[in-house]
Amino acid sequence: MDALTLDGRAAIVTGAGSGLGRAEALALAAAGARLILNDLPGTAVHQVAEEITAAGGQAAVSAGDAGEWATGEQLVAAALGAYGRLDILVNNAGVLRDRMVFTMSAGEWDTVIRVHLRGHFVTTRFATAHWREQSKRAGGPVYGRIVNTSSEAFLLGSPGQPNYAAAKAGIAALTVTTARSCARYGVTANAICPRARTAMTADLMGPPPAGVDPLDPRHVAPLVVYLASPAAAGINGEVFVVHGGVAAVMAPPTVREVFQAAEHGSADGMWTLESVRRALGPMSAAPPGAPGFACEDTLALASETIGFTAPGGGGGR
């Protein structure tokens, strides 16, 4: 069990005032972590801090806009000032501005990209810089854990969420890049694609069922705590889909088919317009349908639906 404890560790959680961030913060505190909680200024994030301290944990609030450069710097400084260390970063802050791509405003695009993608980058930038400097001083790897929040929207090409899907795809790419860049310093970076019933997703779901709600954010939190723990030292650069009692680790994109120009009429083996036509003609002749570059496998994991309907009644976002 020692590999699962977070006793003595210091963690930053963004978007900690409600929903997933709140559930993750409470679970991290229950595992022994000392928390810096971030959200926009307001009473919600302070109530979470009070809940943690009332249960015997330690939590301080560092409010601010996750998309601001100064906020990322401020959060790392707050952890070092309060606890003398930083071990864990959980990026969760986010907003929605759903609209079809042909009616979306520049502001709706910019807000979502800024809070989600830039917000993940800003905190990652300052946390990894700290760990890199620590590693240089120590002459070897240190302890650093990043858990980012992506979404199935980027896997599915969510039609009414071009801004959100693009941001979440960027977060997955940022996660893998961070994992590859910082592993030498002892830092791991992984991403989750959660389905959870929160204020942000309320319009996409009906009321919770009687009894156990499979979309309760609390069911996502154990995976986050595990990825933040010493036990997960060998897990790096992975993307998980998680909800209820289901978790899936995603495979990276694969090559579906390879075309060689030389096999389609090119004299010198290089592409010409005619050889491209011959190669892609069968694809072009297919009836219009769903986008080819999309992963719908996750829809069949369970029947909980957030905005999508899969064959057999499954769903997700």
Protein backbone atom coordinates (compact mmCIF):
# COMPACT_ATOMS: atom_id res chain seq x y z
CA MET A 1 0.00 0.00 0.00
CA ASP A 2 2.96 2.37 0.47
CA ALA A 3 3.18 2.80 -3.29
CA LEU A 4 -0.34 4.21 -3.26
CA THR A 5 0.06 6.73 -0.46
CA LEU A 6 0.62 10.40 -1.21
CA ASP A 7 1.67 11.31 2.33
CA GLY A 8 3.94 14.32 2.26
CA ARG A 9 3.32 15.03 -1.43
CA ALA A 10 2.15 18.44 -2.63
CA ALA A 11 -0.37 18.72 -5.44
CA ILE A 12 -1.91 21.48 -7.54
CA VAL A 13 -5.45 20.94 -8.85
CA THR A 14 -6.96 23.44 -11.29
CA GLY A 15 -10.71 23.79 -11.67
CA ALA A 16 -10.98 22.49 -8.10
CA GLY A 17 -14.11 24.39 -7.10
CA SER A 18 -16.62 21.88 -8.45
CA GLY A 19 -17.21 18.75 -10.52
CA LEU A 20 -14.22 16.66 -11.47
CA GLY A 21 -11.69 19.03 -9.94
CA ARG A 22 -13.43 18.94 -6.58
CA ALA A 23 -13.71 15.13 -6.63
CA GLU A 24 -10.04 14.79 -7.59
CA ALA A 25 -8.92 17.23 -4.91
CA LEU A 26 -10.87 15.40 -2.19
CA ALA A 27 -9.48 12.04 -3.32
CA LEU A 28 -5.89 13.31 -3.44
CA ALA A 29 -6.28 14.77 0.04
CA ALA A 30 -7.73 11.50 1.33
CA ALA A 31 -4.62 9.75 -0.01
CA GLY A 32 -2.43 12.13 2.01
CA ALA A 33 -1.56 14.87 -0.48
CA ARG A 34 -1.38 18.51 0.56
CA LEU A 35 -3.28 20.67 -1.89
CA ILE A 36 -3.07 23.97 -3.70
CA LEU A 37 -6.55 24.48 -5.12
CA ASN A 38 -7.12 26.71 -8.11
CA ASP A 39 -10.30 28.07 -9.63
CA LEU A 40 -11.70 31.45 -10.53
CA PRO A 41 -12.18 33.71 -7.49
CA GLY A 42 -15.33 32.80 -5.57
CA THR A 43 -16.65 30.84 -2.64
CA ALA A 44 -16.73 27.39 -4.29
CA VAL A 45 -13.00 26.67 -4.23
CA HIS A 46 -12.72 27.94 -0.65
CA GLN A 47 -15.50 25.58 0.38
CA VAL A 48 -13.53 22.66 -1.06
CA ALA A 49 -10.47 23.77 0.92
CA GLU A 50 -12.57 23.97 4.07
CA GLU A 51 -13.98 20.50 3.41
CA ILE A 52 -10.46 19.10 3.13
CA THR A 53 -9.18 20.80 6.27
CA ALA A 54 -12.29 19.77 8.22
CA ALA A 55 -11.44 16.16 7.36
CA GLY A 56 -7.89 16.61 8.68
CA GLY A 57 -6.14 17.40 5.41
CA GLN A 58 -4.19 20.43 4.23
CA ALA A 59 -5.38 22.72 1.47
CA ALA A 60 -4.73 26.30 0.42
CA VAL A 61 -6.45 28.32 -2.29
CA SER A 62 -4.63 30.13 -5.08
CA ALA A 63 -7.42 31.61 -7.18
CA GLY A 64 -6.93 32.88 -10.71
CA ASP A 65 -7.62 32.35 -14.40
CA ALA A 66 -5.91 29.11 -15.48
CA GLY A 67 -5.21 30.60 -18.90
CA GLU A 68 -3.11 33.44 -17.48
CA TRP A 69 0.68 33.09 -17.60
CA ALA A 70 0.93 34.65 -14.14
CA THR A 71 -1.45 32.07 -12.70
CA GLY A 72 0.81 29.17 -13.64
CA GLU A 73 3.77 30.91 -12.02
CA GLN A 74 1.66 31.76 -8.99
CA LEU A 75 0.46 28.18 -8.47
CA VAL A 76 3.95 26.68 -8.43
CA ALA A 77 5.12 29.43 -6.09
CA ALA A 78 2.14 28.78 -3.82
CA ALA A 79 2.98 25.07 -3.52
CA LEU A 80 6.64 25.82 -2.77
CA GLY A 81 5.69 28.55 -0.32
CA ALA A 82 3.10 26.51 1.56
CA TYR A 83 4.69 23.07 1.48
CA GLY A 84 8.26 23.55 0.28
CA ARG A 85 7.73 21.20 -2.66
CA LEU A 86 5.63 20.30 -5.68
CA ASP A 87 5.04 16.69 -6.70
CA ILE A 88 1.73 16.52 -8.58
CA LEU A 89 -0.12 18.67 -11.10
CA VAL A 90 -3.71 17.86 -12.03
CA ASN A 91 -5.04 20.05 -14.84
CA ASN A 92 -8.81 20.13 -14.93
CA ALA A 93 -9.98 23.73 -15.45
CA GLY A 94 -12.29 24.16 -18.43
CA VAL A 95 -15.30 25.87 -19.97
CA LEU A 96 -17.74 25.12 -22.79
CA ARG A 97 -18.91 27.40 -25.60
CA ASP A 98 -20.71 24.85 -27.77
CA ARG A 99 -21.74 25.83 -31.28
CA MET A 100 -21.47 24.44 -34.80
CA VAL A 101 -18.31 25.44 -36.63
CA PHE A 102 -20.23 27.53 -39.17
CA THR A 103 -21.83 29.71 -36.47
CA MET A 104 -19.04 29.85 -33.88
CA SER A 105 -17.66 33.28 -33.02
CA ALA A 106 -13.99 34.12 -32.64
CA GLY A 107 -14.59 34.75 -28.95
CA GLU A 108 -16.20 31.35 -28.43
CA TRP A 109 -13.25 29.68 -30.12
CA ASP A 110 -10.59 31.69 -28.29
CA THR A 111 -12.12 31.28 -24.82
CA VAL A 112 -12.23 27.49 -24.96
CA ILE A 113 -8.78 27.09 -26.52
CA ARG A 114 -7.35 29.53 -24.00
CA VAL A 115 -8.79 28.00 -20.84
CA HIS A 116 -8.32 24.34 -21.80
CA LEU A 117 -5.20 24.14 -23.97
CA ARG A 118 -3.31 27.26 -22.91
CA GLY A 119 -4.35 26.59 -19.30
CA HIS A 120 -2.80 23.12 -19.43
CA PHE A 121 0.34 24.50 -21.06
CA VAL A 122 0.86 27.34 -18.60
CA THR A 123 0.79 25.16 -15.48
CA THR A 124 2.84 22.45 -17.21
CA ARG A 125 5.42 25.03 -18.28
CA PHE A 126 6.17 26.19 -14.73
CA ALA A 127 5.84 22.78 -13.05
CA THR A 128 8.21 21.06 -15.47
CA ALA A 129 10.70 23.93 -15.27
CA HIS A 130 10.75 23.47 -11.51
CA TRP A 131 11.23 19.70 -11.74
CA ARG A 132 13.95 20.05 -14.37
CA GLU A 133 15.87 22.45 -12.15
CA GLN A 134 15.38 20.12 -9.18
CA SER A 135 16.68 17.20 -11.21
CA LYS A 136 19.76 19.13 -12.27
CA ARG A 137 20.53 19.98 -8.66
CA ALA A 138 19.93 16.41 -7.53
CA GLY A 139 21.92 14.92 -10.36
CA GLY A 140 19.14 12.50 -11.24
CA PRO A 141 15.39 11.99 -11.56
CA VAL A 142 12.97 13.60 -9.10
CA TYR A 143 9.27 12.98 -8.44
CA GLY A 144 6.85 14.69 -10.80
CA ARG A 145 3.37 13.62 -11.87
CA ILE A 146 1.07 15.39 -14.33
CA VAL A 147 -2.49 14.27 -14.97
CA ASN A 148 -4.22 16.20 -17.75
CA THR A 149 -7.88 16.23 -18.74
CA SER A 150 -8.67 15.50 -22.37
CA SER A 151 -12.01 14.23 -23.73
CA GLU A 152 -13.59 11.68 -26.04
CA ALA A 153 -14.75 14.72 -28.04
CA PHE A 154 -11.39 14.74 -29.82
CA LEU A 155 -11.64 11.02 -30.58
CA LEU A 156 -15.16 11.32 -31.98
CA GLY A 157 -15.00 14.69 -33.74
CA SER A 158 -17.84 16.11 -31.64
CA PRO A 159 -19.89 18.09 -34.21
CA GLY A 160 -21.11 20.89 -31.95
CA GLN A 161 -17.79 21.34 -30.18
CA PRO A 162 -15.08 22.25 -32.71
CA ASN A 163 -13.32 24.47 -30.16
CA TYR A 164 -13.55 21.93 -27.33
CA ALA A 165 -12.57 18.95 -29.49
CA ALA A 166 -9.58 20.84 -30.91
CA ALA A 167 -8.46 21.90 -27.43
CA LYS A 168 -8.77 18.36 -26.09
CA ALA A 169 -6.82 16.93 -29.04
CA GLY A 170 -4.14 19.50 -28.30
CA ILE A 171 -4.07 18.44 -24.66
CA ALA A 172 -3.50 14.81 -25.65
CA ALA A 173 -0.61 15.89 -27.88
CA LEU A 174 0.78 18.16 -25.17
CA THR A 175 0.63 15.24 -22.72
CA VAL A 176 2.60 12.89 -24.96
CA THR A 177 5.15 15.60 -25.77
CA THR A 178 5.59 16.39 -22.08
CA ALA A 179 6.00 12.70 -21.29
CA ARG A 180 8.73 12.31 -23.91
CA SER A 181 10.45 15.57 -22.99
CA CYS A 182 10.51 15.19 -19.22
CA ALA A 183 10.83 11.46 -18.48
CA ARG A 184 14.59 11.89 -17.97
CA TYR A 185 13.85 14.20 -15.05
CA GLY A 186 11.53 11.71 -13.33
CA VAL A 187 8.33 13.35 -14.59
CA THR A 188 5.39 11.38 -15.96
CA ALA A 189 2.48 12.91 -17.87
CA ASN A 190 -0.78 11.12 -18.63
CA ALA A 191 -4.24 12.23 -19.74
CA ILE A 192 -7.74 11.10 -18.89
CA CYS A 193 -10.87 11.40 -21.02
CA PRO A 194 -13.57 11.29 -18.35
CA ARG A 195 -17.31 11.02 -18.60
CA ALA A 196 -18.79 12.72 -15.56
CA ARG A 197 -21.97 14.46 -14.51
CA THR A 198 -20.85 18.03 -13.75
CA ALA A 199 -22.21 21.54 -14.14
CA MET A 200 -20.31 21.79 -17.43
CA THR A 201 -22.04 18.71 -18.86
CA ALA A 202 -25.48 19.20 -17.29
CA ASP A 203 -27.13 20.19 -20.58
CA LEU A 204 -25.90 17.00 -22.26
CA MET A 205 -27.35 14.56 -19.75
CA GLY A 206 -30.58 13.84 -17.99
CA PRO A 207 -30.99 13.62 -14.23
CA PRO A 208 -28.92 11.03 -12.33
CA PRO A 209 -30.49 7.61 -11.85
CA ALA A 210 -31.60 6.23 -8.51
CA GLY A 211 -28.86 4.43 -6.64
CA VAL A 212 -25.28 4.47 -7.89
CA ASP A 213 -24.69 7.09 -10.57
CA PRO A 214 -22.06 5.71 -12.98
CA LEU A 215 -21.32 9.26 -14.10
CA ASP A 216 -20.53 10.59 -10.63
CA PRO A 217 -17.14 12.39 -10.79
CA ARG A 218 -16.02 10.41 -7.74
CA HIS A 219 -15.67 7.31 -9.94
CA VAL A 220 -12.99 9.05 -12.01
CA ALA A 221 -10.89 10.24 -9.08
CA PRO A 222 -9.27 6.88 -8.12
CA LEU A 223 -7.51 6.65 -11.50
CA VAL A 224 -6.19 10.20 -11.06
CA VAL A 225 -4.86 9.38 -7.58
CA TYR A 226 -3.22 6.21 -8.90
CA LEU A 227 -1.53 8.04 -11.77
CA ALA A 228 -0.25 10.59 -9.23
CA SER A 229 1.17 7.88 -6.95
CA PRO A 230 4.57 6.14 -6.81
CA ALA A 231 2.83 2.97 -8.03
CA ALA A 232 2.34 4.54 -11.49
CA ALA A 233 6.02 5.36 -12.11
CA GLY A 234 6.04 3.17 -15.23
CA ILE A 235 2.93 4.71 -16.80
CA ASN A 236 3.85 7.65 -19.01
CA GLY A 237 2.40 9.33 -22.08
CA GLU A 238 -0.88 7.37 -21.95
CA VAL A 239 -4.44 8.51 -22.67
CA PHE A 240 -7.22 6.84 -20.67
CA VAL A 241 -10.99 6.88 -21.12
CA VAL A 242 -12.60 6.50 -17.70
CA HIS A 243 -16.11 6.59 -16.23
CA GLY A 244 -18.15 4.56 -13.77
CA GLY A 245 -16.44 1.20 -13.40
CA VAL A 246 -14.78 1.31 -16.82
CA ALA A 247 -11.30 2.40 -17.86
CA ALA A 248 -9.66 1.97 -21.26
CA VAL A 249 -6.16 2.88 -22.38
CA MET A 250 -6.15 4.25 -25.89
CA ALA A 251 -3.82 3.07 -28.65
CA PRO A 252 -2.06 5.76 -30.68
CA PRO A 253 -3.25 6.42 -34.25
CA THR A 254 -2.29 3.69 -36.68
CA VAL A 255 -1.72 3.56 -40.43
CA ARG A 256 -4.89 2.22 -42.05
CA GLU A 257 -3.59 1.76 -45.58
CA VAL A 258 -0.46 2.62 -47.57
CA PHE A 259 -0.48 3.73 -51.21
CA GLN A 260 2.61 3.60 -53.43
CA ALA A 261 2.68 5.90 -56.45
CA ALA A 262 4.67 3.30 -58.41
CA GLU A 263 1.79 0.86 -58.06
CA HIS A 264 -0.69 3.37 -59.48
CA GLY A 265 0.82 4.33 -62.81
CA SER A 266 3.66 6.67 -61.80
CA ALA A 267 6.63 6.28 -64.16
CA ASP A 268 9.25 7.49 -61.66
CA GLY A 269 7.57 6.34 -58.45
CA MET A 270 6.59 9.88 -57.40
CA TRP A 271 3.03 11.14 -57.12
CA THR A 272 1.22 12.66 -60.07
CA LEU A 273 -2.38 13.82 -60.12
CA GLU A 274 -3.36 10.79 -62.21
CA SER A 275 -1.64 8.31 -59.87
CA VAL A 276 -3.34 9.92 -56.88
CA ARG A 277 -6.69 9.52 -58.67
CA ARG A 278 -6.02 5.85 -59.29
CA ALA A 279 -4.92 5.25 -55.70
CA LEU A 280 -7.76 7.10 -53.99
CA GLY A 281 -10.49 6.42 -56.54
CA PRO A 282 -12.06 3.58 -54.53
CA MET A 283 -12.24 5.82 -51.43
CA SER A 284 -13.79 8.63 -53.45
CA ALA A 285 -16.44 6.30 -54.86
CA ALA A 286 -17.69 5.31 -51.41
CA PRO A 287 -20.97 6.91 -50.29
CA PRO A 288 -20.60 9.88 -47.95
CA GLY A 289 -20.58 8.85 -44.31
CA ALA A 290 -18.90 9.44 -40.99
CA PRO A 291 -15.40 10.91 -40.97
CA GLY A 292 -12.76 8.25 -41.41
CA PHE A 293 -10.32 9.72 -38.89
CA ALA A 294 -12.42 9.16 -35.78
CA CYS A 295 -12.44 6.57 -33.01
CA GLU A 296 -15.88 5.33 -31.97
CA ASP A 297 -14.63 2.28 -30.07
CA THR A 298 -15.12 4.02 -26.74
CA LEU A 299 -18.86 4.39 -27.33
CA ALA A 300 -19.39 0.68 -26.74
CA LEU A 301 -17.66 0.69 -23.34
CA ALA A 302 -20.86 1.45 -21.46
CA SER A 303 -24.37 2.78 -21.93
CA GLU A 304 -23.77 6.12 -20.19
CA THR A 305 -24.33 8.79 -22.82
CA ILE A 306 -23.03 12.34 -23.02
CA GLY A 307 -24.02 13.85 -26.32
CA PHE A 308 -23.38 10.84 -28.57
CA THR A 309 -25.39 7.76 -29.44
CA ALA A 310 -23.60 4.59 -30.46
CA PRO A 311 -24.98 1.44 -32.08
CA GLY A 312 -26.57 -0.61 -29.33
CA GLY A 313 -27.34 2.42 -27.20
CA GLY A 314 -23.86 3.34 -25.91
CA GLY A 315 -22.65 6.89 -25.81
CA GLY A 316 -19.99 9.32 -24.67
CA ARG A 317 -18.29 12.62 -25.12
